[in-house]
Amino acid sequence: MTTVTRIHYSRTRHVLELAFDDGSEGELSAEFLRVHSPSAEVRGHTPGQEVLQTGKRNVAITTINAVGHYAIQLVFDDGHDSGIFTWPYLLELVQDSAGLWERYLKAVQTARSSRDPEIQVLHFKP
């Protein structure tokens, strides 16, 4: 099994840098990781129950917790903390990040939604 040998999170860039024992390495944005979380909240419990994550453009990772010797739990500043990112899943994300991102952007566009958080504007008459 492939293992992660280096994890570094850049708080200014909101990017997780990863290196693996097979020589693979890559960078994944916090937004990318949030919308591809392996949690049931995102993936559902069965195929077809996936929930498109939108409005996550500015999300950041606040905490990275080790889960045994096989995974990490990422805690995001929007409160999401239920995804356990295993080493094989992180490698899959790194290796297919371009394709996954393209499919995500297409899904957001098809849903007529946005990567930007919803902004509530108050309208009132004085």
Protein backbone atom coordinates (compact mmCIF):
# COMPACT_ATOMS: atom_id res chain seq x y z
CA MET A 1 0.00 0.00 0.00
CA THR A 2 1.23 3.47 -0.86
CA THR A 3 1.82 5.74 2.10
CA VAL A 4 2.16 9.47 2.49
CA THR A 5 5.67 10.58 3.42
CA ARG A 6 5.08 14.34 3.61
CA ILE A 7 2.09 16.52 4.36
CA HIS A 8 2.33 20.29 4.41
CA TYR A 9 -0.56 22.75 4.42
CA SER A 10 0.04 26.30 3.22
CA ARG A 11 -2.40 28.53 5.10
CA THR A 12 -1.75 31.46 2.78
CA ARG A 13 -2.35 29.48 -0.42
CA HIS A 14 -4.96 27.08 1.05
CA VAL A 15 -3.09 24.17 -0.54
CA LEU A 16 -2.18 20.75 0.85
CA GLU A 17 1.16 19.49 -0.45
CA LEU A 18 1.61 15.72 -0.46
CA ALA A 19 4.47 13.32 -1.21
CA PHE A 20 4.12 9.54 -1.39
CA ASP A 21 6.62 6.70 -0.92
CA ASP A 22 6.29 5.72 -4.60
CA GLY A 23 7.70 9.12 -5.65
CA SER A 24 4.33 10.66 -6.52
CA GLU A 25 3.65 14.15 -5.25
CA GLY A 26 1.13 16.88 -5.76
CA GLU A 27 -0.80 19.81 -4.42
CA LEU A 28 -4.54 19.85 -3.72
CA SER A 29 -6.46 22.98 -2.82
CA ALA A 30 -8.63 23.06 0.27
CA GLU A 31 -11.63 23.69 -1.99
CA PHE A 32 -10.79 20.62 -4.09
CA LEU A 33 -10.43 18.45 -0.99
CA ARG A 34 -13.66 19.79 0.51
CA VAL A 35 -15.76 19.08 -2.58
CA HIS A 36 -14.16 15.63 -2.99
CA SER A 37 -14.46 14.65 0.66
CA PRO A 38 -14.98 10.91 1.09
CA SER A 39 -17.66 11.57 3.73
CA ALA A 40 -21.23 10.31 3.47
CA GLU A 41 -22.34 13.96 3.58
CA VAL A 42 -20.69 14.45 0.16
CA ARG A 43 -20.70 10.97 -1.38
CA GLY A 44 -23.93 9.66 0.13
CA HIS A 45 -24.32 6.15 1.49
CA THR A 46 -25.02 4.54 -1.88
CA PRO A 47 -24.40 5.49 -5.52
CA GLY A 48 -26.74 8.21 -6.68
CA GLN A 49 -26.89 9.94 -3.30
CA GLU A 50 -23.94 12.26 -3.98
CA VAL A 51 -24.47 15.88 -2.95
CA LEU A 52 -22.83 18.53 -5.13
CA GLN A 53 -20.81 20.82 -2.89
CA THR A 54 -21.00 24.46 -3.93
CA GLY A 55 -19.93 27.77 -2.43
CA LYS A 56 -16.61 26.37 -1.20
CA ARG A 57 -14.18 28.61 -3.13
CA ASN A 58 -12.78 30.26 0.03
CA VAL A 59 -12.83 27.27 2.36
CA ALA A 60 -9.70 26.58 4.40
CA ILE A 61 -8.36 23.65 6.38
CA THR A 62 -8.10 24.43 10.09
CA THR A 63 -6.84 21.10 11.45
CA ILE A 64 -5.22 17.93 10.15
CA ASN A 65 -5.60 14.89 12.40
CA ALA A 66 -3.77 11.59 11.94
CA VAL A 67 -6.04 8.55 11.72
CA GLY A 68 -3.84 5.59 12.61
CA HIS A 69 -1.08 5.06 10.07
CA TYR A 70 -3.39 5.01 7.06
CA ALA A 71 -5.26 8.31 6.77
CA ILE A 72 -5.89 11.87 7.86
CA GLN A 73 -9.03 13.67 8.92
CA LEU A 74 -9.30 17.20 7.57
CA VAL A 75 -11.28 19.80 9.47
CA PHE A 76 -12.50 22.68 7.31
CA ASP A 77 -13.48 26.15 8.47
CA ASP A 78 -17.05 25.61 7.23
CA GLY A 79 -17.47 22.97 9.96
CA HIS A 80 -17.04 19.89 7.76
CA ASP A 81 -14.94 17.27 9.56
CA SER A 82 -16.37 13.85 8.74
CA GLY A 83 -14.17 12.85 5.81
CA ILE A 84 -11.35 10.36 6.39
CA PHE A 85 -8.80 10.71 3.59
CA THR A 86 -6.88 7.43 3.26
CA TRP A 87 -3.45 7.33 1.62
CA PRO A 88 -4.78 5.49 -1.48
CA TYR A 89 -7.64 8.00 -1.83
CA LEU A 90 -5.25 10.97 -1.56
CA LEU A 91 -3.01 9.39 -4.20
CA GLU A 92 -6.06 8.91 -6.45
CA LEU A 93 -6.99 12.57 -5.98
CA VAL A 94 -3.45 13.71 -6.83
CA GLN A 95 -3.22 11.49 -9.90
CA ASP A 96 -6.63 12.46 -11.32
CA SER A 97 -6.93 16.01 -9.98
CA ALA A 98 -7.27 17.64 -13.41
CA GLY A 99 -10.03 15.31 -14.56
CA LEU A 100 -11.87 15.42 -11.25
CA TRP A 101 -11.70 19.22 -11.20
CA GLU A 102 -12.99 19.48 -14.76
CA ARG A 103 -15.93 17.19 -13.95
CA TYR A 104 -16.67 19.18 -10.79
CA LEU A 105 -16.69 22.51 -12.65
CA LYS A 106 -19.01 21.04 -15.29
CA ALA A 107 -21.36 19.73 -12.58
CA VAL A 108 -21.46 23.16 -10.90
CA GLN A 109 -22.23 24.80 -14.24
CA THR A 110 -24.91 22.22 -15.09
CA ALA A 111 -26.51 22.83 -11.69
CA ARG A 112 -26.43 26.58 -12.40
CA SER A 113 -24.66 27.05 -9.13
CA SER A 114 -21.41 28.68 -8.08
CA ARG A 115 -18.15 27.96 -6.34
CA ASP A 116 -18.60 31.26 -4.51
CA PRO A 117 -20.36 31.28 -1.16
CA GLU A 118 -23.86 32.64 -1.20
CA ILE A 119 -23.95 36.26 -0.17
CA GLN A 120 -27.09 37.54 1.42
CA VAL A 121 -27.90 41.11 0.59
CA LEU A 122 -30.43 42.98 2.65
CA HIS A 123 -32.80 45.22 0.75
CA PHE A 124 -34.78 47.75 2.71
CA LYS A 125 -36.51 51.02 2.20
CA PRO A 126 -35.68 53.78 4.67
